[in-house]
PDB file of N, CA and C in Angstrom:
ATOM      1  N   MET A   1     -31.144  -8.198 -10.273  1.00  0.00           N
ATOM      2  CA  MET A   1     -30.281  -7.088 -10.637  1.00  0.00           C
ATOM      3  C   MET A   1     -30.011  -7.180 -12.144  1.00  0.00           C
ATOM      4  N   ASN A   2     -29.966  -6.025 -12.805  1.00  0.00           N
ATOM      5  CA  ASN A   2     -29.709  -6.023 -14.245  1.00  0.00           C
ATOM      6  C   ASN A   2     -28.198  -6.073 -14.533  1.00  0.00           C
ATOM      7  N   GLY A   3     -27.861  -6.159 -15.816  1.00  0.00           N
ATOM      8  CA  GLY A   3     -26.465  -6.272 -16.216  1.00  0.00           C
ATOM      9  C   GLY A   3     -25.590  -5.120 -15.751  1.00  0.00           C
ATOM     10  N   TRP A   4     -26.132  -3.899 -15.777  1.00  0.00           N
ATOM     11  CA  TRP A   4     -25.353  -2.745 -15.341  1.00  0.00           C
ATOM     12  C   TRP A   4     -25.065  -2.814 -13.849  1.00  0.00           C
ATOM     13  N   GLY A   5     -26.031  -3.282 -13.087  1.00  0.00           N
ATOM     14  CA  GLY A   5     -25.815  -3.442 -11.646  1.00  0.00           C
ATOM     15  C   GLY A   5     -24.729  -4.467 -11.361  1.00  0.00           C
ATOM     16  N   TRP A   6     -24.805  -5.602 -12.068  1.00  0.00           N
ATOM     17  CA  TRP A   6     -23.764  -6.622 -11.897  1.00  0.00           C
ATOM     18  C   TRP A   6     -22.401  -6.083 -12.295  1.00  0.00           C
ATOM     19  N   LEU A   7     -22.379  -5.254 -13.330  1.00  0.00           N
ATOM     20  CA  LEU A   7     -21.111  -4.691 -13.789  1.00  0.00           C
ATOM     21  C   LEU A   7     -20.511  -3.743 -12.746  1.00  0.00           C
ATOM     22  N   LEU A   8     -21.335  -2.944 -12.108  1.00  0.00           N
ATOM     23  CA  LEU A   8     -20.839  -2.053 -11.051  1.00  0.00           C
ATOM     24  C   LEU A   8     -20.283  -2.847  -9.870  1.00  0.00           C
ATOM     25  N   VAL A   9     -20.985  -3.907  -9.490  1.00  0.00           N
ATOM     26  CA  VAL A   9     -20.503  -4.741  -8.385  1.00  0.00           C
ATOM     27  C   VAL A   9     -19.196  -5.429  -8.785  1.00  0.00           C
ATOM     28  N   ALA A  10     -19.125  -5.911 -10.023  1.00  0.00           N
ATOM     29  CA  ALA A  10     -17.889  -6.536 -10.513  1.00  0.00           C
ATOM     30  C   ALA A  10     -16.730  -5.545 -10.460  1.00  0.00           C
ATOM     31  N   GLY A  11     -16.986  -4.306 -10.856  1.00  0.00           N
ATOM     32  CA  GLY A  11     -15.952  -3.269 -10.799  1.00  0.00           C
ATOM     33  C   GLY A  11     -15.512  -2.977  -9.375  1.00  0.00           C
ATOM     34  N   ALA A  12     -16.470  -2.974  -8.451  1.00  0.00           N
ATOM     35  CA  ALA A  12     -16.120  -2.749  -7.042  1.00  0.00           C
ATOM     36  C   ALA A  12     -15.227  -3.867  -6.520  1.00  0.00           C
ATOM     37  N   PHE A  13     -15.538  -5.105  -6.885  1.00  0.00           N
ATOM     38  CA  PHE A  13     -14.685  -6.214  -6.464  1.00  0.00           C
ATOM     39  C   PHE A  13     -13.319  -6.170  -7.157  1.00  0.00           C
ATOM     40  N   GLU A  14     -13.262  -5.609  -8.362  1.00  0.00           N
ATOM     41  CA  GLU A  14     -11.958  -5.453  -9.014  1.00  0.00           C
ATOM     42  C   GLU A  14     -11.101  -4.447  -8.248  1.00  0.00           C
ATOM     43  N   ILE A  15     -11.710  -3.364  -7.807  1.00  0.00           N
ATOM     44  CA  ILE A  15     -10.987  -2.397  -6.981  1.00  0.00           C
ATOM     45  C   ILE A  15     -10.518  -3.074  -5.694  1.00  0.00           C
ATOM     46  N   ALA A  16     -11.404  -3.885  -5.113  1.00  0.00           N
ATOM     47  CA  ALA A  16     -11.044  -4.594  -3.885  1.00  0.00           C
ATOM     48  C   ALA A  16      -9.865  -5.529  -4.117  1.00  0.00           C
ATOM     49  N   PHE A  17      -9.888  -6.290  -5.226  1.00  0.00           N
ATOM     50  CA  PHE A  17      -8.796  -7.256  -5.385  1.00  0.00           C
ATOM     51  C   PHE A  17      -7.462  -6.590  -5.675  1.00  0.00           C
ATOM     52  N   THR A  18      -7.464  -5.457  -6.344  1.00  0.00           N
ATOM     53  CA  THR A  18      -6.179  -4.772  -6.538  1.00  0.00           C
ATOM     54  C   THR A  18      -5.677  -4.185  -5.219  1.00  0.00           C
ATOM     55  N   THR A  19      -6.603  -3.695  -4.414  1.00  0.00           N
ATOM     56  CA  THR A  19      -6.227  -3.155  -3.104  1.00  0.00           C
ATOM     57  C   THR A  19      -5.683  -4.262  -2.202  1.00  0.00           C
ATOM     58  N   PHE A  20      -6.374  -5.401  -2.166  1.00  0.00           N
ATOM     59  CA  PHE A  20      -5.899  -6.523  -1.355  1.00  0.00           C
ATOM     60  C   PHE A  20      -4.575  -7.078  -1.879  1.00  0.00           C
ATOM     61  N   LEU A  21      -4.376  -7.006  -3.189  1.00  0.00           N
ATOM     62  CA  LEU A  21      -3.092  -7.442  -3.748  1.00  0.00           C
ATOM     63  C   LEU A  21      -1.958  -6.580  -3.199  1.00  0.00           C
ATOM     64  N   LYS A  22      -2.181  -5.275  -3.161  1.00  0.00           N
ATOM     65  CA  LYS A  22      -1.179  -4.361  -2.607  1.00  0.00           C
ATOM     66  C   LYS A  22      -0.962  -4.637  -1.120  1.00  0.00           C
ATOM     67  N   LEU A  23      -2.050  -4.798  -0.374  1.00  0.00           N
ATOM     68  CA  LEU A  23      -1.942  -5.053   1.057  1.00  0.00           C
ATOM     69  C   LEU A  23      -1.255  -6.388   1.354  1.00  0.00           C
ATOM     70  N   SER A  24      -1.439  -7.360   0.476  1.00  0.00           N
ATOM     71  CA  SER A  24      -0.837  -8.676   0.708  1.00  0.00           C
ATOM     72  C   SER A  24       0.684  -8.657   0.575  1.00  0.00           C
ATOM     73  N   GLN A  25       1.238  -7.603  -0.024  1.00  0.00           N
ATOM     74  CA  GLN A  25       2.690  -7.500  -0.104  1.00  0.00           C
ATOM     75  C   GLN A  25       3.308  -7.314   1.275  1.00  0.00           C
ATOM     76  N   ALA A  26       2.560  -6.671   2.171  1.00  0.00           N
ATOM     77  CA  ALA A  26       3.053  -6.443   3.528  1.00  0.00           C
ATOM     78  C   ALA A  26       2.536  -7.489   4.516  1.00  0.00           C
ATOM     79  N   ASP A  27       1.381  -8.092   4.220  1.00  0.00           N
ATOM     80  CA  ASP A  27       0.768  -9.053   5.131  1.00  0.00           C
ATOM     81  C   ASP A  27       0.062 -10.120   4.301  1.00  0.00           C
ATOM     82  N   SER A  28       0.611 -11.312   4.286  1.00  0.00           N
ATOM     83  CA  SER A  28       0.096 -12.378   3.422  1.00  0.00           C
ATOM     84  C   SER A  28      -1.330 -12.799   3.769  1.00  0.00           C
ATOM     85  N   ARG A  29      -1.815 -12.404   4.932  1.00  0.00           N
ATOM     86  CA  ARG A  29      -3.202 -12.755   5.281  1.00  0.00           C
ATOM     87  C   ARG A  29      -4.207 -12.105   4.337  1.00  0.00           C
ATOM     88  N   TYR A  30      -3.832 -11.051   3.666  1.00  0.00           N
ATOM     89  CA  TYR A  30      -4.729 -10.418   2.698  1.00  0.00           C
ATOM     90  C   TYR A  30      -4.847 -11.230   1.404  1.00  0.00           C
ATOM     91  N   GLY A  31      -4.025 -12.243   1.257  1.00  0.00           N
ATOM     92  CA  GLY A  31      -4.080 -13.086   0.063  1.00  0.00           C
ATOM     93  C   GLY A  31      -5.425 -13.768  -0.112  1.00  0.00           C
ATOM     94  N   VAL A  32      -6.026 -14.202   0.968  1.00  0.00           N
ATOM     95  CA  VAL A  32      -7.338 -14.855   0.900  1.00  0.00           C
ATOM     96  C   VAL A  32      -8.390 -13.852   0.446  1.00  0.00           C
ATOM     97  N   ALA A  33      -8.360 -12.642   0.983  1.00  0.00           N
ATOM     98  CA  ALA A  33      -9.301 -11.604   0.573  1.00  0.00           C
ATOM     99  C   ALA A  33      -9.110 -11.272  -0.909  1.00  0.00           C
ATOM    100  N   PHE A  34      -7.868 -11.259  -1.355  1.00  0.00           N
ATOM    101  CA  PHE A  34      -7.580 -11.038  -2.774  1.00  0.00           C
ATOM    102  C   PHE A  34      -8.255 -12.108  -3.630  1.00  0.00           C
ATOM    103  N   LEU A  35      -8.057 -13.376  -3.278  1.00  0.00           N
ATOM    104  CA  LEU A  35      -8.632 -14.473  -4.069  1.00  0.00           C
ATOM    105  C   LEU A  35     -10.155 -14.446  -4.069  1.00  0.00           C
ATOM    106  N   VAL A  36     -10.756 -14.193  -2.929  1.00  0.00           N
ATOM    107  CA  VAL A  36     -12.217 -14.109  -2.845  1.00  0.00           C
ATOM    108  C   VAL A  36     -12.722 -12.960  -3.719  1.00  0.00           C
ATOM    109  N   SER A  37     -12.052 -11.828  -3.671  1.00  0.00           N
ATOM    110  CA  SER A  37     -12.455 -10.670  -4.479  1.00  0.00           C
ATOM    111  C   SER A  37     -12.326 -10.949  -5.973  1.00  0.00           C
ATOM    112  N   VAL A  38     -11.271 -11.648  -6.361  1.00  0.00           N
ATOM    113  CA  VAL A  38     -11.095 -12.006  -7.776  1.00  0.00           C
ATOM    114  C   VAL A  38     -12.253 -12.885  -8.241  1.00  0.00           C
ATOM    115  N   ILE A  39     -12.556 -13.906  -7.457  1.00  0.00           N
ATOM    116  CA  ILE A  39     -13.633 -14.831  -7.826  1.00  0.00           C
ATOM    117  C   ILE A  39     -14.962 -14.092  -7.920  1.00  0.00           C
ATOM    118  N   LEU A  40     -15.269 -13.263  -6.927  1.00  0.00           N
ATOM    119  CA  LEU A  40     -16.533 -12.531  -6.945  1.00  0.00           C
ATOM    120  C   LEU A  40     -16.592 -11.527  -8.099  1.00  0.00           C
ATOM    121  N   SER A  41     -15.472 -10.889  -8.403  1.00  0.00           N
ATOM    122  CA  SER A  41     -15.444  -9.943  -9.510  1.00  0.00           C
ATOM    123  C   SER A  41     -15.760 -10.640 -10.827  1.00  0.00           C
ATOM    124  N   PHE A  42     -15.125 -11.778 -11.066  1.00  0.00           N
ATOM    125  CA  PHE A  42     -15.365 -12.498 -12.311  1.00  0.00           C
ATOM    126  C   PHE A  42     -16.767 -13.094 -12.366  1.00  0.00           C
ATOM    127  N   GLU A  43     -17.289 -13.535 -11.240  1.00  0.00           N
ATOM    128  CA  GLU A  43     -18.660 -14.059 -11.215  1.00  0.00           C
ATOM    129  C   GLU A  43     -19.659 -12.960 -11.560  1.00  0.00           C
ATOM    130  N   CYS A  44     -19.483 -11.785 -10.988  1.00  0.00           N
ATOM    131  CA  CYS A  44     -20.378 -10.671 -11.295  1.00  0.00           C
ATOM    132  C   CYS A  44     -20.227 -10.226 -12.749  1.00  0.00           C
ATOM    133  N   LEU A  45     -19.000 -10.210 -13.254  1.00  0.00           N
ATOM    134  CA  LEU A  45     -18.786  -9.880 -14.669  1.00  0.00           C
ATOM    135  C   LEU A  45     -19.485 -10.903 -15.558  1.00  0.00           C
ATOM    136  N   SER A  46     -19.393 -12.161 -15.181  1.00  0.00           N
ATOM    137  CA  SER A  46     -20.059 -13.221 -15.937  1.00  0.00           C
ATOM    138  C   SER A  46     -21.567 -12.994 -15.998  1.00  0.00           C
ATOM    139  N   ARG A  47     -22.141 -12.583 -14.894  1.00  0.00           N
ATOM    140  CA  ARG A  47     -23.578 -12.306 -14.870  1.00  0.00           C
ATOM    141  C   ARG A  47     -23.913 -11.075 -15.713  1.00  0.00           C
ATOM    142  N   ALA A  48     -23.033 -10.084 -15.703  1.00  0.00           N
ATOM    143  CA  ALA A  48     -23.272  -8.862 -16.480  1.00  0.00           C
ATOM    144  C   ALA A  48     -23.292  -9.143 -17.972  1.00  0.00           C
ATOM    145  N   ILE A  49     -22.395 -10.004 -18.435  1.00  0.00           N
ATOM    146  CA  ILE A  49     -22.312 -10.233 -19.887  1.00  0.00           C
ATOM    147  C   ILE A  49     -23.423 -11.144 -20.407  1.00  0.00           C
ATOM    148  N   LYS A  50     -24.296 -11.590 -19.522  1.00  0.00           N
ATOM    149  CA  LYS A  50     -25.483 -12.320 -19.997  1.00  0.00           C
ATOM    150  C   LYS A  50     -26.437 -11.370 -20.710  1.00  0.00           C
ATOM    151  N   THR A  51     -26.409 -10.085 -20.338  1.00  0.00           N
ATOM    152  CA  THR A  51     -27.330  -9.121 -20.956  1.00  0.00           C
ATOM    153  C   THR A  51     -26.628  -7.931 -21.595  1.00  0.00           C
ATOM    154  N   LEU A  52     -25.332  -7.786 -21.375  1.00  0.00           N
ATOM    155  CA  LEU A  52     -24.581  -6.667 -21.966  1.00  0.00           C
ATOM    156  C   LEU A  52     -23.595  -7.205 -22.993  1.00  0.00           C
ATOM    157  N   PRO A  53     -23.283  -6.408 -24.008  1.00  0.00           N
ATOM    158  CA  PRO A  53     -22.256  -6.833 -24.965  1.00  0.00           C
ATOM    159  C   PRO A  53     -20.917  -7.036 -24.250  1.00  0.00           C
ATOM    160  N   LEU A  54     -20.241  -8.117 -24.579  1.00  0.00           N
ATOM    161  CA  LEU A  54     -18.967  -8.449 -23.943  1.00  0.00           C
ATOM    162  C   LEU A  54     -17.973  -7.300 -24.054  1.00  0.00           C
ATOM    163  N   SER A  55     -17.841  -6.726 -25.242  1.00  0.00           N
ATOM    164  CA  SER A  55     -16.842  -5.676 -25.446  1.00  0.00           C
ATOM    165  C   SER A  55     -17.104  -4.470 -24.551  1.00  0.00           C
ATOM    166  N   THR A  56     -18.338  -4.055 -24.456  1.00  0.00           N
ATOM    167  CA  THR A  56     -18.685  -2.916 -23.613  1.00  0.00           C
ATOM    168  C   THR A  56     -18.486  -3.243 -22.143  1.00  0.00           C
ATOM    169  N   ALA A  57     -18.984  -4.405 -21.735  1.00  0.00           N
ATOM    170  CA  ALA A  57     -18.884  -4.800 -20.328  1.00  0.00           C
ATOM    171  C   ALA A  57     -17.430  -4.904 -19.889  1.00  0.00           C
ATOM    172  N   TYR A  58     -16.601  -5.516 -20.718  1.00  0.00           N
ATOM    173  CA  TYR A  58     -15.194  -5.683 -20.348  1.00  0.00           C
ATOM    174  C   TYR A  58     -14.487  -4.326 -20.257  1.00  0.00           C
ATOM    175  N   ALA A  59     -14.737  -3.464 -21.219  1.00  0.00           N
ATOM    176  CA  ALA A  59     -14.095  -2.147 -21.211  1.00  0.00           C
ATOM    177  C   ALA A  59     -14.514  -1.342 -19.981  1.00  0.00           C
ATOM    178  N   ILE A  60     -15.783  -1.376 -19.653  1.00  0.00           N
ATOM    179  CA  ILE A  60     -16.255  -0.618 -18.493  1.00  0.00           C
ATOM    180  C   ILE A  60     -15.766  -1.259 -17.203  1.00  0.00           C
ATOM    181  N   TRP A  61     -15.751  -2.580 -17.124  1.00  0.00           N
ATOM    182  CA  TRP A  61     -15.246  -3.285 -15.937  1.00  0.00           C
ATOM    183  C   TRP A  61     -13.787  -2.904 -15.659  1.00  0.00           C
ATOM    184  N   THR A  62     -12.959  -2.955 -16.689  1.00  0.00           N
ATOM    185  CA  THR A  62     -11.559  -2.597 -16.482  1.00  0.00           C
ATOM    186  C   THR A  62     -11.407  -1.107 -16.179  1.00  0.00           C
ATOM    187  N   GLY A  63     -12.260  -0.281 -16.787  1.00  0.00           N
ATOM    188  CA  GLY A  63     -12.212   1.151 -16.513  1.00  0.00           C
ATOM    189  C   GLY A  63     -12.596   1.479 -15.081  1.00  0.00           C
ATOM    190  N   ILE A  64     -13.666   0.836 -14.588  1.00  0.00           N
ATOM    191  CA  ILE A  64     -14.055   1.030 -13.182  1.00  0.00           C
ATOM    192  C   ILE A  64     -12.901   0.623 -12.283  1.00  0.00           C
ATOM    193  N   GLY A  65     -12.293  -0.520 -12.598  1.00  0.00           N
ATOM    194  CA  GLY A  65     -11.165  -0.987 -11.801  1.00  0.00           C
ATOM    195  C   GLY A  65      -9.984  -0.031 -11.851  1.00  0.00           C
ATOM    196  N   ALA A  66      -9.699   0.497 -13.028  1.00  0.00           N
ATOM    197  CA  ALA A  66      -8.568   1.417 -13.165  1.00  0.00           C
ATOM    198  C   ALA A  66      -8.803   2.712 -12.404  1.00  0.00           C
ATOM    199  N   VAL A  67      -9.958   3.320 -12.602  1.00  0.00           N
ATOM    200  CA  VAL A  67     -10.264   4.578 -11.922  1.00  0.00           C
ATOM    201  C   VAL A  67     -10.322   4.357 -10.411  1.00  0.00           C
ATOM    202  N   GLY A  68     -11.018   3.309  -9.992  1.00  0.00           N
ATOM    203  CA  GLY A  68     -11.137   3.029  -8.568  1.00  0.00           C
ATOM    204  C   GLY A  68      -9.811   2.714  -7.912  1.00  0.00           C
ATOM    205  N   THR A  69      -8.960   1.989  -8.623  1.00  0.00           N
ATOM    206  CA  THR A  69      -7.653   1.651  -8.068  1.00  0.00           C
ATOM    207  C   THR A  69      -6.775   2.891  -7.940  1.00  0.00           C
ATOM    208  N   VAL A  70      -6.850   3.786  -8.898  1.00  0.00           N
ATOM    209  CA  VAL A  70      -6.109   5.049  -8.786  1.00  0.00           C
ATOM    210  C   VAL A  70      -6.592   5.824  -7.559  1.00  0.00           C
ATOM    211  N   LEU A  71      -7.900   5.890  -7.393  1.00  0.00           N
ATOM    212  CA  LEU A  71      -8.443   6.616  -6.238  1.00  0.00           C
ATOM    213  C   LEU A  71      -8.063   5.945  -4.919  1.00  0.00           C
ATOM    214  N   MET A  72      -8.035   4.620  -4.881  1.00  0.00           N
ATOM    215  CA  MET A  72      -7.585   3.907  -3.677  1.00  0.00           C
ATOM    216  C   MET A  72      -6.106   4.205  -3.422  1.00  0.00           C
ATOM    217  N   GLY A  73      -5.319   4.240  -4.474  1.00  0.00           N
ATOM    218  CA  GLY A  73      -3.902   4.553  -4.319  1.00  0.00           C
ATOM    219  C   GLY A  73      -3.693   5.917  -3.696  1.00  0.00           C
ATOM    220  N   VAL A  74      -4.494   6.881  -4.112  1.00  0.00           N
ATOM    221  CA  VAL A  74      -4.380   8.231  -3.580  1.00  0.00           C
ATOM    222  C   VAL A  74      -4.888   8.296  -2.139  1.00  0.00           C
ATOM    223  N   THR A  75      -6.068   7.729  -1.883  1.00  0.00           N
ATOM    224  CA  THR A  75      -6.690   7.887  -0.571  1.00  0.00           C
ATOM    225  C   THR A  75      -6.133   6.955   0.497  1.00  0.00           C
ATOM    226  N   VAL A  76      -5.779   5.736   0.106  1.00  0.00           N
ATOM    227  CA  VAL A  76      -5.339   4.753   1.107  1.00  0.00           C
ATOM    228  C   VAL A  76      -3.820   4.658   1.200  1.00  0.00           C
ATOM    229  N   PHE A  77      -3.147   4.727   0.048  1.00  0.00           N
ATOM    230  CA  PHE A  77      -1.708   4.492   0.027  1.00  0.00           C
ATOM    231  C   PHE A  77      -0.879   5.767  -0.121  1.00  0.00           C
ATOM    232  N   GLY A  78      -1.530   6.924  -0.127  1.00  0.00           N
ATOM    233  CA  GLY A  78      -0.811   8.193  -0.157  1.00  0.00           C
ATOM    234  C   GLY A  78      -0.116   8.507  -1.463  1.00  0.00           C
ATOM    235  N   GLU A  79      -0.545   7.896  -2.555  1.00  0.00           N
ATOM    236  CA  GLU A  79       0.051   8.204  -3.852  1.00  0.00           C
ATOM    237  C   GLU A  79      -0.406   9.594  -4.297  1.00  0.00           C
ATOM    238  N   THR A  80       0.361  10.207  -5.156  1.00  0.00           N
ATOM    239  CA  THR A  80      -0.001  11.535  -5.652  1.00  0.00           C
ATOM    240  C   THR A  80      -0.262  11.474  -7.159  1.00  0.00           C
ATOM    241  N   LEU A  81      -1.053  12.424  -7.616  1.00  0.00           N
ATOM    242  CA  LEU A  81      -1.364  12.520  -9.039  1.00  0.00           C
ATOM    243  C   LEU A  81      -0.932  13.882  -9.557  1.00  0.00           C
ATOM    244  N   ALA A  82      -0.282  13.876 -10.685  1.00  0.00           N
ATOM    245  CA  ALA A  82       0.070  15.124 -11.364  1.00  0.00           C
ATOM    246  C   ALA A  82      -1.184  15.655 -12.064  1.00  0.00           C
ATOM    247  N   PRO A  83      -1.224  16.946 -12.350  1.00  0.00           N
ATOM    248  CA  PRO A  83      -2.394  17.518 -13.042  1.00  0.00           C
ATOM    249  C   PRO A  83      -2.741  16.786 -14.341  1.00  0.00           C
ATOM    250  N   VAL A  84      -1.745  16.394 -15.103  1.00  0.00           N
ATOM    251  CA  VAL A  84      -2.039  15.683 -16.354  1.00  0.00           C
ATOM    252  C   VAL A  84      -2.687  14.324 -16.065  1.00  0.00           C
ATOM    253  N   GLN A  85      -2.307  13.683 -14.981  1.00  0.00           N
ATOM    254  CA  GLN A  85      -2.932  12.416 -14.619  1.00  0.00           C
ATOM    255  C   GLN A  85      -4.400  12.618 -14.248  1.00  0.00           C
ATOM    256  N   LEU A  86      -4.691  13.704 -13.539  1.00  0.00           N
ATOM    257  CA  LEU A  86      -6.080  14.016 -13.204  1.00  0.00           C
ATOM    258  C   LEU A  86      -6.899  14.265 -14.471  1.00  0.00           C
ATOM    259  N   LEU A  87      -6.316  14.978 -15.406  1.00  0.00           N
ATOM    260  CA  LEU A  87      -6.992  15.230 -16.678  1.00  0.00           C
ATOM    261  C   LEU A  87      -7.285  13.915 -17.404  1.00  0.00           C
ATOM    262  N   LEU A  88      -6.291  13.062 -17.491  1.00  0.00           N
ATOM    263  CA  LEU A  88      -6.468  11.784 -18.172  1.00  0.00           C
ATOM    264  C   LEU A  88      -7.474  10.886 -17.454  1.00  0.00           C
ATOM    265  N   LEU A  89      -7.485  10.922 -16.141  1.00  0.00           N
ATOM    266  CA  LEU A  89      -8.469  10.169 -15.368  1.00  0.00           C
ATOM    267  C   LEU A  89      -9.878  10.684 -15.678  1.00  0.00           C
ATOM    268  N   GLY A  90     -10.017  11.989 -15.779  1.00  0.00           N
ATOM    269  CA  GLY A  90     -11.304  12.573 -16.157  1.00  0.00           C
ATOM    270  C   GLY A  90     -11.740  12.144 -17.550  1.00  0.00           C
ATOM    271  N   LEU A  91     -10.791  12.092 -18.470  1.00  0.00           N
ATOM    272  CA  LEU A  91     -11.107  11.629 -19.829  1.00  0.00           C
ATOM    273  C   LEU A  91     -11.536  10.164 -19.824  1.00  0.00           C
ATOM    274  N   LEU A  92     -10.875   9.358 -19.012  1.00  0.00           N
ATOM    275  CA  LEU A  92     -11.246   7.947 -18.914  1.00  0.00           C
ATOM    276  C   LEU A  92     -12.669   7.801 -18.385  1.00  0.00           C
ATOM    277  N   ILE A  93     -13.006   8.571 -17.375  1.00  0.00           N
ATOM    278  CA  ILE A  93     -14.361   8.533 -16.831  1.00  0.00           C
ATOM    279  C   ILE A  93     -15.370   8.957 -17.898  1.00  0.00           C
ATOM    280  N   ALA A  94     -15.037   9.986 -18.669  1.00  0.00           N
ATOM    281  CA  ALA A  94     -15.926  10.445 -19.744  1.00  0.00           C
ATOM    282  C   ALA A  94     -16.123   9.350 -20.792  1.00  0.00           C
ATOM    283  N   VAL A  95     -15.065   8.635 -21.132  1.00  0.00           N
ATOM    284  CA  VAL A  95     -15.159   7.539 -22.103  1.00  0.00           C
ATOM    285  C   VAL A  95     -16.050   6.430 -21.559  1.00  0.00           C
ATOM    286  N   LEU A  96     -15.911   6.098 -20.292  1.00  0.00           N
ATOM    287  CA  LEU A  96     -16.740   5.052 -19.689  1.00  0.00           C
ATOM    288  C   LEU A  96     -18.216   5.441 -19.710  1.00  0.00           C
ATOM    289  N   ILE A  97     -18.501   6.687 -19.385  1.00  0.00           N
ATOM    290  CA  ILE A  97     -19.879   7.168 -19.444  1.00  0.00           C
ATOM    291  C   ILE A  97     -20.386   7.121 -20.882  1.00  0.00           C
ATOM    292  N   GLY A  98     -19.545   7.515 -21.827  1.00  0.00           N
ATOM    293  CA  GLY A  98     -19.916   7.461 -23.236  1.00  0.00           C
ATOM    294  C   GLY A  98     -20.222   6.042 -23.697  1.00  0.00           C
ATOM    295  N   LEU A  99     -19.428   5.080 -23.261  1.00  0.00           N
ATOM    296  CA  LEU A  99     -19.703   3.686 -23.615  1.00  0.00           C
ATOM    297  C   LEU A  99     -21.044   3.233 -23.057  1.00  0.00           C
ATOM    298  N   LYS A 100     -21.333   3.628 -21.831  1.00  0.00           N
ATOM    299  CA  LYS A 100     -22.618   3.272 -21.213  1.00  0.00           C
ATOM    300  C   LYS A 100     -23.758   3.868 -22.020  1.00  0.00           C
ATOM    301  N   LEU A 101     -23.640   5.147 -22.352  1.00  0.00           N
ATOM    302  CA  LEU A 101     -24.722   5.821 -23.088  1.00  0.00           C
ATOM    303  C   LEU A 101     -24.882   5.300 -24.513  1.00  0.00           C
ATOM    304  N   ALA A 102     -23.804   4.828 -25.113  1.00  0.00           N
ATOM    305  CA  ALA A 102     -23.838   4.357 -26.488  1.00  0.00           C
ATOM    306  C   ALA A 102     -24.287   2.898 -26.620  1.00  0.00           C
ATOM    307  N   THR A 103     -24.413   2.203 -25.494  1.00  0.00           N
ATOM    308  CA  THR A 103     -24.813   0.801 -25.548  1.00  0.00           C
ATOM    309  C   THR A 103     -26.321   0.704 -25.734  1.00  0.00           C
ATOM    310  N   PRO A 104     -26.759  -0.062 -26.727  1.00  0.00           N
ATOM    311  CA  PRO A 104     -28.207  -0.206 -26.955  1.00  0.00           C
ATOM    312  C   PRO A 104     -28.911  -0.763 -25.715  1.00  0.00           C
ATOM    313  N   LYS A 105     -30.097  -0.242 -25.434  1.00  0.00           N
ATOM    314  CA  LYS A 105     -30.841  -0.662 -24.241  1.00  0.00           C
ATOM    315  C   LYS A 105     -31.300  -2.105 -24.329  1.00  0.00           C
ATOM    316  N   ALA A 106     -31.583  -2.577 -25.520  1.00  0.00           N
ATOM    317  CA  ALA A 106     -32.109  -3.930 -25.683  1.00  0.00           C
ATOM    318  C   ALA A 106     -31.011  -4.944 -25.966  1.00  0.00           C
ATOM    319  N   ALA A 107     -29.781  -4.625 -25.563  1.00  0.00           N
ATOM    320  CA  ALA A 107     -28.675  -5.545 -25.815  1.00  0.00           C
ATOM    321  C   ALA A 107     -28.913  -6.826 -25.048  1.00  0.00           C
ATOM    322  N   GLY A 108     -28.727  -7.920 -25.731  1.00  0.00           N
ATOM    323  CA  GLY A 108     -28.916  -9.224 -25.105  1.00  0.00           C
ATOM    324  C   GLY A 108     -27.800 -10.157 -25.486  1.00  0.00           C
ATOM    325  N   PRO A 109     -27.890 -11.401 -25.061  1.00  0.00           N
ATOM    326  CA  PRO A 109     -26.818 -12.344 -25.399  1.00  0.00           C
ATOM    327  C   PRO A 109     -26.749 -12.558 -26.902  1.00  0.00           C
ATOM    328  N   SER A 110     -25.540 -12.761 -27.392  1.00  0.00           N
ATOM    329  CA  SER A 110     -25.387 -12.973 -28.832  1.00  0.00           C
ATOM    330  C   SER A 110     -25.068 -14.402 -29.137  1.00  0.00           C
TER     331      SER A 110
END
């Protein structure tokens, strides 16, 4: 798997660990799932930064986690979003796509 693939998986595990963190407030058994997700997220991020610039990878990793966690909050926990929040979420997604497109294809370890 290439760096971008590892970064997407790392972002998915970041969404998982924030979700499990929320769930663990009501049921401590989710604490183990939280810890496993944290470890896997950081391991995948570590693999991603072997071929991607650290600054880009970190920004996109946190962005995936932020957008995904907002969506989990809405779909799983019944949170609501104001129109301005939806607009800002869209801008964040646009910035993440822009960072991906602006990253040189031959980026390697520095």
